[in-house]
Amino acid sequence: MTKIGSLRAFAKLAMMAAAAWCNAAQADGFWLVEPAGCGAIQTVNQTPKWAWITIYDAGQLRHLDYGYVAPFATRTWKAGMYSCAGVYHVRAEVKDFSGPAQPPGNPPNIFDTRVEVTFGNDHDVYLQTPIAVQLTDADATHWIYQGTPWKFWWAHNGNLPAPGAMGLTPSIGLNNYLGIPVQLNITGSGDSATQCVSNNAQTRVNLHAGPHTVKWTMGCDGAGPGGSRSVNLGYGALNMSVPNAYTSGNQILSDSTAIAYVNNSGYAASVAVSGAPTTCVAPHTNATIPIQPGSHDMQVTVKASCSAAGGAAFPKWTTNYPRNTISSYAFNPSLQ
């Protein structure tokens, strides 16, 4: 046999062996993504950055394929006429760009890394970067990556690098039992969120870790009073609640019939009772409102002060008041 014939026979045996190896690997469920096969190269971007991919021949002289791969995306390349007997080099020029659309122009590289795709059917390569915090309740697009200084590398399997820490998405939840809607406004650490939470309803707002200011307002039209508190969010869920503002129904025998309104809050309460003048009860004070025995409507509007306009009106309720009793209502709205 001639030298050329020997080389051809060797190449044929090599290709047969590679095909057998690749079929066995697929049968064992080795692949974490749908395998590219011998006739293609597949690049899986497991990072939050765009990458410009160039595929070279064995000598890294010819460009066989090139183009962008989006963050957390996969691209299959076939223009290079790839085979199991070939040797190729895959290069990633990682761009300082994370938007959903392809970056305009040619942004600067923040990293440049290459990997060799060798003999066989292992034509799937994975671009990776260090994970600072893996959020167990969210997909990889929401995880926290190490960032500056950025570092990237290629891997031959999709096993992710061990994260620096694990946690939950930073969030604030609110349960509202106040009796009226509550407006929630959260700012800080790059976040700005406003939500109206109906009475007897719950909400949860996903945020970034770090310091935040939580403001709450009684009523969602901005006219009612409220308060604020500062929190420092870690990687977990912070739960808050606005409990029922009233402790009511206490009745005391008396020589007269009246409503005793005990304002334990830092807000003024304008108390309107049918058949009686409207009374404004200043913060941390009490008022006794004389009434006639029988059924009365009562509605309370909470304001920043007795002289303030507007306010947040609680629903009107109707109660039958017995003769010679004082019915006491204690009011104390709060964010807990």
C-alpha atoms as a PDB file:
ATOM      1  CA  MET A   1       0.000   0.000   0.000  1.00  0.00           C
ATOM      2  CA  THR A   2       1.310   3.490  -0.843  1.00  0.00           C
ATOM      3  CA  LYS A   3       1.903   6.172   1.701  1.00  0.00           C
ATOM      4  CA  ILE A   4      -1.132   8.117   0.443  1.00  0.00           C
ATOM      5  CA  GLY A   5      -3.273   4.984   0.649  1.00  0.00           C
ATOM      6  CA  SER A   6      -2.155   4.373   4.220  1.00  0.00           C
ATOM      7  CA  LEU A   7      -3.108   7.926   5.211  1.00  0.00           C
ATOM      8  CA  ARG A   8      -6.529   7.566   3.597  1.00  0.00           C
ATOM      9  CA  ALA A   9      -7.139   4.272   5.400  1.00  0.00           C
ATOM     10  CA  PHE A  10      -6.089   5.810   8.713  1.00  0.00           C
ATOM     11  CA  ALA A  11      -8.403   8.793   8.187  1.00  0.00           C
ATOM     12  CA  LYS A  12     -11.298   6.471   7.382  1.00  0.00           C
ATOM     13  CA  LEU A  13     -10.695   4.410  10.543  1.00  0.00           C
ATOM     14  CA  ALA A  14     -10.417   7.613  12.588  1.00  0.00           C
ATOM     15  CA  MET A  15     -13.736   8.890  11.297  1.00  0.00           C
ATOM     16  CA  MET A  16     -15.424   5.540  12.004  1.00  0.00           C
ATOM     17  CA  ALA A  17     -14.040   5.512  15.548  1.00  0.00           C
ATOM     18  CA  ALA A  18     -15.157   9.082  16.123  1.00  0.00           C
ATOM     19  CA  ALA A  19     -18.669   8.315  14.890  1.00  0.00           C
ATOM     20  CA  ALA A  20     -18.885   5.295  17.223  1.00  0.00           C
ATOM     21  CA  TRP A  21     -17.677   7.401  20.174  1.00  0.00           C
ATOM     22  CA  CYS A  22     -20.153  10.160  19.439  1.00  0.00           C
ATOM     23  CA  ASN A  23     -23.077   7.737  19.157  1.00  0.00           C
ATOM     24  CA  ALA A  24     -22.146   6.132  22.481  1.00  0.00           C
ATOM     25  CA  ALA A  25     -21.876   9.546  24.156  1.00  0.00           C
ATOM     26  CA  GLN A  26     -25.307  10.541  22.921  1.00  0.00           C
ATOM     27  CA  ALA A  27     -26.802   7.228  24.014  1.00  0.00           C
ATOM     28  CA  ASP A  28     -25.434   7.755  27.543  1.00  0.00           C
ATOM     29  CA  GLY A  29     -27.225  11.093  27.810  1.00  0.00           C
ATOM     30  CA  PHE A  30     -23.936  12.984  28.107  1.00  0.00           C
ATOM     31  CA  TRP A  31     -25.219  16.215  26.537  1.00  0.00           C
ATOM     32  CA  LEU A  32     -26.725  19.006  28.594  1.00  0.00           C
ATOM     33  CA  VAL A  33     -28.050  20.680  25.440  1.00  0.00           C
ATOM     34  CA  GLU A  34     -29.161  19.176  22.167  1.00  0.00           C
ATOM     35  CA  PRO A  35     -25.777  18.137  20.664  1.00  0.00           C
ATOM     36  CA  ALA A  36     -24.523  19.937  17.604  1.00  0.00           C
ATOM     37  CA  GLY A  37     -23.203  16.756  15.942  1.00  0.00           C
ATOM     38  CA  CYS A  38     -20.135  16.435  13.761  1.00  0.00           C
ATOM     39  CA  GLY A  39     -21.402  18.800  11.082  1.00  0.00           C
ATOM     40  CA  ALA A  40     -21.766  21.825  13.360  1.00  0.00           C
ATOM     41  CA  ILE A  41     -20.262  23.675  16.312  1.00  0.00           C
ATOM     42  CA  GLN A  42     -22.584  24.925  19.038  1.00  0.00           C
ATOM     43  CA  THR A  43     -21.737  27.813  21.358  1.00  0.00           C
ATOM     44  CA  VAL A  44     -23.742  28.262  24.570  1.00  0.00           C
ATOM     45  CA  ASN A  45     -23.430  31.656  26.232  1.00  0.00           C
ATOM     46  CA  GLN A  46     -24.062  31.195  29.979  1.00  0.00           C
ATOM     47  CA  THR A  47     -23.149  34.794  30.801  1.00  0.00           C
ATOM     48  CA  PRO A  48     -25.002  38.132  30.930  1.00  0.00           C
ATOM     49  CA  LYS A  49     -22.842  39.669  28.163  1.00  0.00           C
ATOM     50  CA  TRP A  50     -22.928  39.657  24.370  1.00  0.00           C
ATOM     51  CA  ALA A  51     -20.054  37.788  22.726  1.00  0.00           C
ATOM     52  CA  TRP A  52     -18.642  38.033  19.198  1.00  0.00           C
ATOM     53  CA  ILE A  53     -17.730  34.507  18.156  1.00  0.00           C
ATOM     54  CA  THR A  54     -15.093  33.598  15.581  1.00  0.00           C
ATOM     55  CA  ILE A  55     -14.392  29.986  14.613  1.00  0.00           C
ATOM     56  CA  TYR A  56     -10.965  29.235  13.095  1.00  0.00           C
ATOM     57  CA  ASP A  57      -9.440  26.239  11.387  1.00  0.00           C
ATOM     58  CA  ALA A  58      -6.752  24.096  13.053  1.00  0.00           C
ATOM     59  CA  GLY A  59      -4.000  26.581  12.220  1.00  0.00           C
ATOM     60  CA  GLN A  60      -6.120  29.560  13.298  1.00  0.00           C
ATOM     61  CA  LEU A  61      -5.595  31.107   9.877  1.00  0.00           C
ATOM     62  CA  ARG A  62      -9.051  30.951   8.258  1.00  0.00           C
ATOM     63  CA  HIS A  63     -12.314  32.314   9.630  1.00  0.00           C
ATOM     64  CA  LEU A  64     -14.888  29.563   9.200  1.00  0.00           C
ATOM     65  CA  ASP A  65     -17.796  31.239  11.018  1.00  0.00           C
ATOM     66  CA  TYR A  66     -18.385  34.449  12.960  1.00  0.00           C
ATOM     67  CA  GLY A  67     -21.176  36.488  14.546  1.00  0.00           C
ATOM     68  CA  TYR A  68     -22.833  37.492  17.795  1.00  0.00           C
ATOM     69  CA  VAL A  69     -24.289  35.255  20.508  1.00  0.00           C
ATOM     70  CA  ALA A  70     -26.719  36.971  22.877  1.00  0.00           C
ATOM     71  CA  PRO A  71     -26.564  36.620  26.677  1.00  0.00           C
ATOM     72  CA  PHE A  72     -27.923  33.265  27.869  1.00  0.00           C
ATOM     73  CA  ALA A  73     -28.412  32.124  24.270  1.00  0.00           C
ATOM     74  CA  THR A  74     -27.227  29.259  22.084  1.00  0.00           C
ATOM     75  CA  ARG A  75     -26.069  29.473  18.471  1.00  0.00           C
ATOM     76  CA  THR A  76     -25.289  26.624  16.108  1.00  0.00           C
ATOM     77  CA  TRP A  77     -22.660  27.195  13.393  1.00  0.00           C
ATOM     78  CA  LYS A  78     -22.575  25.174  10.169  1.00  0.00           C
ATOM     79  CA  ALA A  79     -20.935  27.312   7.509  1.00  0.00           C
ATOM     80  CA  GLY A  80     -17.484  25.925   8.305  1.00  0.00           C
ATOM     81  CA  MET A  81     -18.247  22.438   6.900  1.00  0.00           C
ATOM     82  CA  TYR A  82     -17.252  20.826  10.197  1.00  0.00           C
ATOM     83  CA  SER A  83     -16.466  17.136  10.717  1.00  0.00           C
ATOM     84  CA  CYS A  84     -15.588  14.777  13.554  1.00  0.00           C
ATOM     85  CA  ALA A  85     -12.055  14.456  12.179  1.00  0.00           C
ATOM     86  CA  GLY A  86     -11.428  18.197  12.269  1.00  0.00           C
ATOM     87  CA  VAL A  87      -9.715  20.424  14.811  1.00  0.00           C
ATOM     88  CA  TYR A  88     -11.117  23.914  15.327  1.00  0.00           C
ATOM     89  CA  HIS A  89     -10.650  26.919  17.582  1.00  0.00           C
ATOM     90  CA  VAL A  90     -13.548  28.939  18.986  1.00  0.00           C
ATOM     91  CA  ARG A  91     -12.887  32.500  20.100  1.00  0.00           C
ATOM     92  CA  ALA A  92     -15.172  34.729  22.183  1.00  0.00           C
ATOM     93  CA  GLU A  93     -14.651  38.470  22.255  1.00  0.00           C
ATOM     94  CA  VAL A  94     -16.905  39.418  25.167  1.00  0.00           C
ATOM     95  CA  LYS A  95     -18.482  42.853  24.862  1.00  0.00           C
ATOM     96  CA  ASP A  96     -19.346  45.306  27.606  1.00  0.00           C
ATOM     97  CA  PHE A  97     -23.017  45.100  26.654  1.00  0.00           C
ATOM     98  CA  SER A  98     -25.955  43.316  28.265  1.00  0.00           C
ATOM     99  CA  GLY A  99     -29.027  44.698  26.527  1.00  0.00           C
ATOM    100  CA  PRO A 100     -31.709  42.561  24.894  1.00  0.00           C
ATOM    101  CA  ALA A 101     -30.901  43.843  21.385  1.00  0.00           C
ATOM    102  CA  GLN A 102     -27.669  43.260  19.484  1.00  0.00           C
ATOM    103  CA  PRO A 103     -25.093  45.882  20.454  1.00  0.00           C
ATOM    104  CA  PRO A 104     -24.710  48.725  17.973  1.00  0.00           C
ATOM    105  CA  GLY A 105     -21.401  49.175  16.211  1.00  0.00           C
ATOM    106  CA  ASN A 106     -18.433  47.457  17.798  1.00  0.00           C
ATOM    107  CA  PRO A 107     -18.358  47.925  21.590  1.00  0.00           C
ATOM    108  CA  PRO A 108     -14.990  47.407  23.275  1.00  0.00           C
ATOM    109  CA  ASN A 109     -13.977  43.946  24.445  1.00  0.00           C
ATOM    110  CA  ILE A 110     -13.849  43.277  28.163  1.00  0.00           C
ATOM    111  CA  PHE A 111     -12.401  39.794  27.702  1.00  0.00           C
ATOM    112  CA  ASP A 112     -11.007  37.543  24.947  1.00  0.00           C
ATOM    113  CA  THR A 113     -10.853  33.769  25.346  1.00  0.00           C
ATOM    114  CA  ARG A 114     -10.383  30.744  23.048  1.00  0.00           C
ATOM    115  CA  VAL A 115     -10.957  27.005  23.211  1.00  0.00           C
ATOM    116  CA  GLU A 116      -9.897  24.136  20.988  1.00  0.00           C
ATOM    117  CA  VAL A 117     -12.530  21.792  19.599  1.00  0.00           C
ATOM    118  CA  THR A 118     -10.670  18.556  18.967  1.00  0.00           C
ATOM    119  CA  PHE A 119     -11.128  15.178  17.324  1.00  0.00           C
ATOM    120  CA  GLY A 120     -14.555  13.654  17.941  1.00  0.00           C
ATOM    121  CA  ASN A 121     -18.110  14.870  18.268  1.00  0.00           C
ATOM    122  CA  ASP A 122     -17.556  17.175  21.255  1.00  0.00           C
ATOM    123  CA  HIS A 123     -18.578  20.242  19.263  1.00  0.00           C
ATOM    124  CA  ASP A 124     -20.509  21.964  22.075  1.00  0.00           C
ATOM    125  CA  VAL A 125     -18.688  24.627  24.096  1.00  0.00           C
ATOM    126  CA  TYR A 126     -19.963  26.815  26.947  1.00  0.00           C
ATOM    127  CA  LEU A 127     -18.918  30.383  27.704  1.00  0.00           C
ATOM    128  CA  GLN A 128     -18.922  30.942  31.478  1.00  0.00           C
ATOM    129  CA  THR A 129     -18.166  33.592  34.112  1.00  0.00           C
ATOM    130  CA  PRO A 130     -18.007  33.518  37.945  1.00  0.00           C
ATOM    131  CA  ILE A 131     -21.382  33.584  39.733  1.00  0.00           C
ATOM    132  CA  ALA A 132     -21.406  35.790  42.832  1.00  0.00           C
ATOM    133  CA  VAL A 133     -24.919  34.869  44.064  1.00  0.00           C
ATOM    134  CA  GLN A 134     -27.139  32.156  42.615  1.00  0.00           C
ATOM    135  CA  LEU A 135     -30.788  32.971  43.290  1.00  0.00           C
ATOM    136  CA  THR A 136     -32.567  29.687  43.866  1.00  0.00           C
ATOM    137  CA  ASP A 137     -36.000  31.120  43.048  1.00  0.00           C
ATOM    138  CA  ALA A 138     -34.998  32.726  39.732  1.00  0.00           C
ATOM    139  CA  ASP A 139     -33.390  31.721  36.450  1.00  0.00           C
ATOM    140  CA  ALA A 140     -29.823  32.586  35.454  1.00  0.00           C
ATOM    141  CA  THR A 141     -30.800  35.888  33.847  1.00  0.00           C
ATOM    142  CA  HIS A 142     -31.499  37.278  37.344  1.00  0.00           C
ATOM    143  CA  TRP A 143     -28.434  35.931  39.155  1.00  0.00           C
ATOM    144  CA  ILE A 144     -25.663  38.178  40.417  1.00  0.00           C
ATOM    145  CA  TYR A 145     -22.384  37.790  38.535  1.00  0.00           C
ATOM    146  CA  GLN A 146     -18.955  38.699  39.804  1.00  0.00           C
ATOM    147  CA  GLY A 147     -18.501  41.580  37.402  1.00  0.00           C
ATOM    148  CA  THR A 148     -15.544  43.952  37.469  1.00  0.00           C
ATOM    149  CA  PRO A 149     -12.933  42.730  36.916  1.00  0.00           C
ATOM    150  CA  TRP A 150     -14.794  40.464  34.481  1.00  0.00           C
ATOM    151  CA  LYS A 151     -13.430  37.005  33.773  1.00  0.00           C
ATOM    152  CA  PHE A 152     -14.664  34.512  31.161  1.00  0.00           C
ATOM    153  CA  TRP A 153     -13.646  31.074  29.945  1.00  0.00           C
ATOM    154  CA  TRP A 154     -14.830  28.235  27.739  1.00  0.00           C
ATOM    155  CA  ALA A 155     -15.924  24.877  29.139  1.00  0.00           C
ATOM    156  CA  HIS A 156     -16.629  21.587  27.332  1.00  0.00           C
ATOM    157  CA  ASN A 157     -19.736  20.857  29.424  1.00  0.00           C
ATOM    158  CA  GLY A 158     -22.603  22.879  30.788  1.00  0.00           C
ATOM    159  CA  ASN A 159     -21.858  22.324  34.484  1.00  0.00           C
ATOM    160  CA  LEU A 160     -21.978  25.801  36.006  1.00  0.00           C
ATOM    161  CA  PRO A 161     -19.170  27.081  38.232  1.00  0.00           C
ATOM    162  CA  ALA A 162     -19.869  26.953  41.965  1.00  0.00           C
ATOM    163  CA  PRO A 163     -21.465  30.236  43.097  1.00  0.00           C
ATOM    164  CA  GLY A 164     -19.943  32.411  45.771  1.00  0.00           C
ATOM    165  CA  ALA A 165     -23.246  32.285  47.665  1.00  0.00           C
ATOM    166  CA  MET A 166     -26.831  31.150  47.279  1.00  0.00           C
ATOM    167  CA  GLY A 167     -29.995  32.964  48.276  1.00  0.00           C
ATOM    168  CA  LEU A 168     -33.439  34.187  47.328  1.00  0.00           C
ATOM    169  CA  THR A 169     -34.360  37.171  45.188  1.00  0.00           C
ATOM    170  CA  PRO A 170     -34.371  40.283  47.423  1.00  0.00           C
ATOM    171  CA  SER A 171     -38.004  41.286  47.831  1.00  0.00           C
ATOM    172  CA  ILE A 172     -40.485  43.085  50.061  1.00  0.00           C
ATOM    173  CA  GLY A 173     -43.935  41.654  50.642  1.00  0.00           C
ATOM    174  CA  LEU A 174     -46.877  43.525  52.135  1.00  0.00           C
ATOM    175  CA  ASN A 175     -50.087  42.126  53.648  1.00  0.00           C
ATOM    176  CA  ASN A 176     -52.726  44.830  53.979  1.00  0.00           C
ATOM    177  CA  TYR A 177     -55.451  44.375  56.599  1.00  0.00           C
ATOM    178  CA  LEU A 178     -55.896  48.079  57.389  1.00  0.00           C
ATOM    179  CA  GLY A 179     -59.442  48.380  56.108  1.00  0.00           C
ATOM    180  CA  ILE A 180     -58.630  50.593  53.108  1.00  0.00           C
ATOM    181  CA  PRO A 181     -56.116  50.372  50.224  1.00  0.00           C
ATOM    182  CA  VAL A 182     -52.494  51.234  50.946  1.00  0.00           C
ATOM    183  CA  GLN A 183     -50.002  52.701  48.497  1.00  0.00           C
ATOM    184  CA  LEU A 184     -46.494  51.288  48.759  1.00  0.00           C
ATOM    185  CA  ASN A 185     -43.504  53.192  47.368  1.00  0.00           C
ATOM    186  CA  ILE A 186     -40.023  51.638  47.498  1.00  0.00           C
ATOM    187  CA  THR A 187     -36.819  53.372  46.401  1.00  0.00           C
ATOM    188  CA  GLY A 188     -33.116  52.697  46.735  1.00  0.00           C
ATOM    189  CA  SER A 189     -30.284  50.567  45.335  1.00  0.00           C
ATOM    190  CA  GLY A 190     -31.371  51.306  41.775  1.00  0.00           C
ATOM    191  CA  ASP A 191     -35.019  50.430  42.450  1.00  0.00           C
ATOM    192  CA  SER A 192     -38.163  52.525  42.197  1.00  0.00           C
ATOM    193  CA  ALA A 193     -41.501  50.756  42.604  1.00  0.00           C
ATOM    194  CA  THR A 194     -45.016  51.952  43.448  1.00  0.00           C
ATOM    195  CA  GLN A 195     -47.984  49.665  44.038  1.00  0.00           C
ATOM    196  CA  CYS A 196     -51.518  50.084  45.313  1.00  0.00           C
ATOM    197  CA  VAL A 197     -52.442  47.217  47.642  1.00  0.00           C
ATOM    198  CA  SER A 198     -56.157  46.636  48.143  1.00  0.00           C
ATOM    199  CA  ASN A 199     -57.566  45.859  51.555  1.00  0.00           C
ATOM    200  CA  ASN A 200     -57.171  42.184  52.526  1.00  0.00           C
ATOM    201  CA  ALA A 201     -54.678  41.740  49.685  1.00  0.00           C
ATOM    202  CA  GLN A 202     -50.998  40.901  49.418  1.00  0.00           C
ATOM    203  CA  THR A 203     -48.211  41.997  47.107  1.00  0.00           C
ATOM    204  CA  ARG A 204     -44.540  41.211  46.610  1.00  0.00           C
ATOM    205  CA  VAL A 205     -41.959  43.417  44.887  1.00  0.00           C
ATOM    206  CA  ASN A 206     -38.646  41.985  43.636  1.00  0.00           C
ATOM    207  CA  LEU A 207     -35.730  44.343  44.208  1.00  0.00           C
ATOM    208  CA  HIS A 208     -31.940  44.570  44.388  1.00  0.00           C
ATOM    209  CA  ALA A 209     -29.966  43.924  47.542  1.00  0.00           C
ATOM    210  CA  GLY A 210     -28.999  46.994  49.543  1.00  0.00           C
ATOM    211  CA  PRO A 211     -30.586  49.905  51.452  1.00  0.00           C
ATOM    212  CA  HIS A 212     -34.150  50.932  50.597  1.00  0.00           C
ATOM    213  CA  THR A 213     -36.741  53.399  51.839  1.00  0.00           C
ATOM    214  CA  VAL A 214     -40.262  52.018  52.178  1.00  0.00           C
ATOM    215  CA  LYS A 215     -43.025  54.630  52.210  1.00  0.00           C
ATOM    216  CA  TRP A 216     -46.664  53.746  52.780  1.00  0.00           C
ATOM    217  CA  THR A 217     -49.730  55.913  52.399  1.00  0.00           C
ATOM    218  CA  MET A 218     -53.284  55.270  53.567  1.00  0.00           C
ATOM    219  CA  GLY A 219     -55.328  55.330  50.372  1.00  0.00           C
ATOM    220  CA  CYS A 220     -53.868  55.174  46.876  1.00  0.00           C
ATOM    221  CA  ASP A 221     -54.740  58.689  45.681  1.00  0.00           C
ATOM    222  CA  GLY A 222     -51.826  60.293  47.517  1.00  0.00           C
ATOM    223  CA  ALA A 223     -54.145  62.317  49.760  1.00  0.00           C
ATOM    224  CA  GLY A 224     -53.841  60.235  52.914  1.00  0.00           C
ATOM    225  CA  PRO A 225     -51.069  60.295  55.515  1.00  0.00           C
ATOM    226  CA  GLY A 226     -48.618  57.491  56.066  1.00  0.00           C
ATOM    227  CA  GLY A 227     -45.077  56.862  57.121  1.00  0.00           C
ATOM    228  CA  SER A 228     -41.753  55.411  56.081  1.00  0.00           C
ATOM    229  CA  ARG A 229     -39.012  53.133  57.283  1.00  0.00           C
ATOM    230  CA  SER A 230     -35.515  52.232  56.124  1.00  0.00           C
ATOM    231  CA  VAL A 231     -34.470  48.643  55.464  1.00  0.00           C
ATOM    232  CA  ASN A 232     -31.285  46.991  54.257  1.00  0.00           C
ATOM    233  CA  LEU A 233     -32.237  44.082  52.002  1.00  0.00           C
ATOM    234  CA  GLY A 234     -30.113  40.973  51.776  1.00  0.00           C
ATOM    235  CA  TYR A 235     -30.710  37.976  49.514  1.00  0.00           C
ATOM    236  CA  GLY A 236     -34.041  36.947  50.941  1.00  0.00           C
ATOM    237  CA  ALA A 237     -37.637  38.021  51.442  1.00  0.00           C
ATOM    238  CA  LEU A 238     -38.717  40.741  53.875  1.00  0.00           C
ATOM    239  CA  ASN A 239     -42.384  40.517  54.880  1.00  0.00           C
ATOM    240  CA  MET A 240     -44.353  43.501  56.176  1.00  0.00           C
ATOM    241  CA  SER A 241     -47.968  44.003  57.160  1.00  0.00           C
ATOM    242  CA  VAL A 242     -50.432  46.775  57.902  1.00  0.00           C
ATOM    243  CA  PRO A 243     -52.756  45.270  60.539  1.00  0.00           C
ATOM    244  CA  ASN A 244     -56.353  46.265  61.186  1.00  0.00           C
ATOM    245  CA  ALA A 245     -56.319  49.810  62.508  1.00  0.00           C
ATOM    246  CA  TYR A 246     -59.200  49.395  64.937  1.00  0.00           C
ATOM    247  CA  THR A 247     -59.924  47.753  68.249  1.00  0.00           C
ATOM    248  CA  SER A 248     -63.614  48.345  68.648  1.00  0.00           C
ATOM    249  CA  GLY A 249     -66.780  47.254  70.388  1.00  0.00           C
ATOM    250  CA  ASN A 250     -65.848  48.033  73.991  1.00  0.00           C
ATOM    251  CA  GLN A 251     -68.994  49.262  75.769  1.00  0.00           C
ATOM    252  CA  ILE A 252     -69.120  50.872  79.193  1.00  0.00           C
ATOM    253  CA  LEU A 253     -72.291  51.536  81.209  1.00  0.00           C
ATOM    254  CA  SER A 254     -72.860  55.242  81.674  1.00  0.00           C
ATOM    255  CA  ASP A 255     -75.461  57.894  82.444  1.00  0.00           C
ATOM    256  CA  SER A 256     -75.364  58.906  78.772  1.00  0.00           C
ATOM    257  CA  THR A 257     -74.904  57.475  75.309  1.00  0.00           C
ATOM    258  CA  ALA A 258     -71.694  58.363  73.443  1.00  0.00           C
ATOM    259  CA  ILE A 259     -68.839  57.236  71.230  1.00  0.00           C
ATOM    260  CA  ALA A 260     -65.358  57.409  72.728  1.00  0.00           C
ATOM    261  CA  TYR A 261     -62.708  57.710  70.007  1.00  0.00           C
ATOM    262  CA  VAL A 262     -59.182  56.907  71.185  1.00  0.00           C
ATOM    263  CA  ASN A 263     -56.601  58.039  68.650  1.00  0.00           C
ATOM    264  CA  ASN A 264     -53.360  56.193  69.390  1.00  0.00           C
ATOM    265  CA  SER A 265     -51.794  57.156  66.063  1.00  0.00           C
ATOM    266  CA  GLY A 266     -49.618  60.004  64.874  1.00  0.00           C
ATOM    267  CA  TYR A 267     -52.353  61.120  62.457  1.00  0.00           C
ATOM    268  CA  ALA A 268     -55.483  63.200  62.879  1.00  0.00           C
ATOM    269  CA  ALA A 269     -58.850  61.444  62.572  1.00  0.00           C
ATOM    270  CA  SER A 270     -61.917  63.273  61.363  1.00  0.00           C
ATOM    271  CA  VAL A 271     -64.864  61.327  62.830  1.00  0.00           C
ATOM    272  CA  ALA A 272     -68.249  61.861  61.193  1.00  0.00           C
ATOM    273  CA  VAL A 273     -71.211  60.308  63.047  1.00  0.00           C
ATOM    274  CA  SER A 274     -74.741  60.704  61.759  1.00  0.00           C
ATOM    275  CA  GLY A 275     -76.762  62.979  64.022  1.00  0.00           C
ATOM    276  CA  ALA A 276     -73.637  64.548  65.559  1.00  0.00           C
ATOM    277  CA  PRO A 277     -71.138  67.251  64.524  1.00  0.00           C
ATOM    278  CA  THR A 278     -67.960  66.030  62.805  1.00  0.00           C
ATOM    279  CA  THR A 279     -65.143  65.865  65.325  1.00  0.00           C
ATOM    280  CA  CYS A 280     -61.430  65.951  64.499  1.00  0.00           C
ATOM    281  CA  VAL A 281     -59.379  63.953  66.988  1.00  0.00           C
ATOM    282  CA  ALA A 282     -55.764  65.124  67.065  1.00  0.00           C
ATOM    283  CA  PRO A 283     -52.892  62.601  67.169  1.00  0.00           C
ATOM    284  CA  HIS A 284     -52.529  60.749  70.483  1.00  0.00           C
ATOM    285  CA  THR A 285     -55.673  62.281  71.970  1.00  0.00           C
ATOM    286  CA  ASN A 286     -59.209  61.146  72.802  1.00  0.00           C
ATOM    287  CA  ALA A 287     -62.652  62.557  72.104  1.00  0.00           C
ATOM    288  CA  THR A 288     -66.129  61.727  73.379  1.00  0.00           C
ATOM    289  CA  ILE A 289     -68.951  62.302  70.899  1.00  0.00           C
ATOM    290  CA  PRO A 290     -72.447  62.427  72.474  1.00  0.00           C
ATOM    291  CA  ILE A 291     -75.166  60.677  70.422  1.00  0.00           C
ATOM    292  CA  GLN A 292     -78.755  59.571  70.777  1.00  0.00           C
ATOM    293  CA  PRO A 293     -79.415  55.859  71.371  1.00  0.00           C
ATOM    294  CA  GLY A 294     -80.082  53.888  68.210  1.00  0.00           C
ATOM    295  CA  SER A 295     -78.515  53.215  64.846  1.00  0.00           C
ATOM    296  CA  HIS A 296     -75.771  55.551  63.565  1.00  0.00           C
ATOM    297  CA  ASP A 297     -73.419  55.693  60.629  1.00  0.00           C
ATOM    298  CA  MET A 298     -69.781  56.478  61.354  1.00  0.00           C
ATOM    299  CA  GLN A 299     -66.966  57.257  58.916  1.00  0.00           C
ATOM    300  CA  VAL A 300     -63.400  58.199  59.736  1.00  0.00           C
ATOM    301  CA  THR A 301     -61.096  60.163  57.455  1.00  0.00           C
ATOM    302  CA  VAL A 302     -57.423  60.071  58.397  1.00  0.00           C
ATOM    303  CA  LYS A 303     -55.363  63.198  57.751  1.00  0.00           C
ATOM    304  CA  ALA A 304     -51.893  64.475  58.501  1.00  0.00           C
ATOM    305  CA  SER A 305     -53.422  67.068  60.846  1.00  0.00           C
ATOM    306  CA  CYS A 306     -56.837  68.451  61.695  1.00  0.00           C
ATOM    307  CA  SER A 307     -56.195  71.470  59.450  1.00  0.00           C
ATOM    308  CA  ALA A 308     -55.012  69.405  56.481  1.00  0.00           C
ATOM    309  CA  ALA A 309     -57.239  69.036  53.456  1.00  0.00           C
ATOM    310  CA  GLY A 310     -58.261  65.712  51.945  1.00  0.00           C
ATOM    311  CA  GLY A 311     -57.232  62.519  53.623  1.00  0.00           C
ATOM    312  CA  ALA A 312     -57.943  58.791  53.384  1.00  0.00           C
ATOM    313  CA  ALA A 313     -61.544  57.822  54.137  1.00  0.00           C
ATOM    314  CA  PHE A 314     -62.271  54.482  55.773  1.00  0.00           C
ATOM    315  CA  PRO A 315     -65.476  52.708  54.789  1.00  0.00           C
ATOM    316  CA  LYS A 316     -68.627  53.881  56.533  1.00  0.00           C
ATOM    317  CA  TRP A 317     -70.171  51.434  58.977  1.00  0.00           C
ATOM    318  CA  THR A 318     -73.490  51.337  60.805  1.00  0.00           C
ATOM    319  CA  THR A 319     -73.875  50.283  64.451  1.00  0.00           C
ATOM    320  CA  ASN A 320     -76.743  50.252  66.930  1.00  0.00           C
ATOM    321  CA  TYR A 321     -75.729  52.056  70.102  1.00  0.00           C
ATOM    322  CA  PRO A 322     -77.597  51.047  73.301  1.00  0.00           C
ATOM    323  CA  ARG A 323     -78.920  53.606  75.765  1.00  0.00           C
ATOM    324  CA  ASN A 324     -76.609  54.659  78.576  1.00  0.00           C
ATOM    325  CA  THR A 325     -73.443  53.130  77.126  1.00  0.00           C
ATOM    326  CA  ILE A 326     -70.203  54.545  75.811  1.00  0.00           C
ATOM    327  CA  SER A 327     -68.826  52.625  72.815  1.00  0.00           C
ATOM    328  CA  SER A 328     -65.050  52.926  72.527  1.00  0.00           C
ATOM    329  CA  TYR A 329     -62.966  52.710  69.351  1.00  0.00           C
ATOM    330  CA  ALA A 330     -59.143  52.646  69.479  1.00  0.00           C
ATOM    331  CA  PHE A 331     -57.321  53.611  66.277  1.00  0.00           C
ATOM    332  CA  ASN A 332     -53.638  52.834  65.597  1.00  0.00           C
ATOM    333  CA  PRO A 333     -52.573  52.230  61.965  1.00  0.00           C
ATOM    334  CA  SER A 334     -48.985  51.077  61.534  1.00  0.00           C
ATOM    335  CA  LEU A 335     -46.560  49.369  59.178  1.00  0.00           C
ATOM    336  CA  GLN A 336     -45.038  46.303  60.826  1.00  0.00           C
END
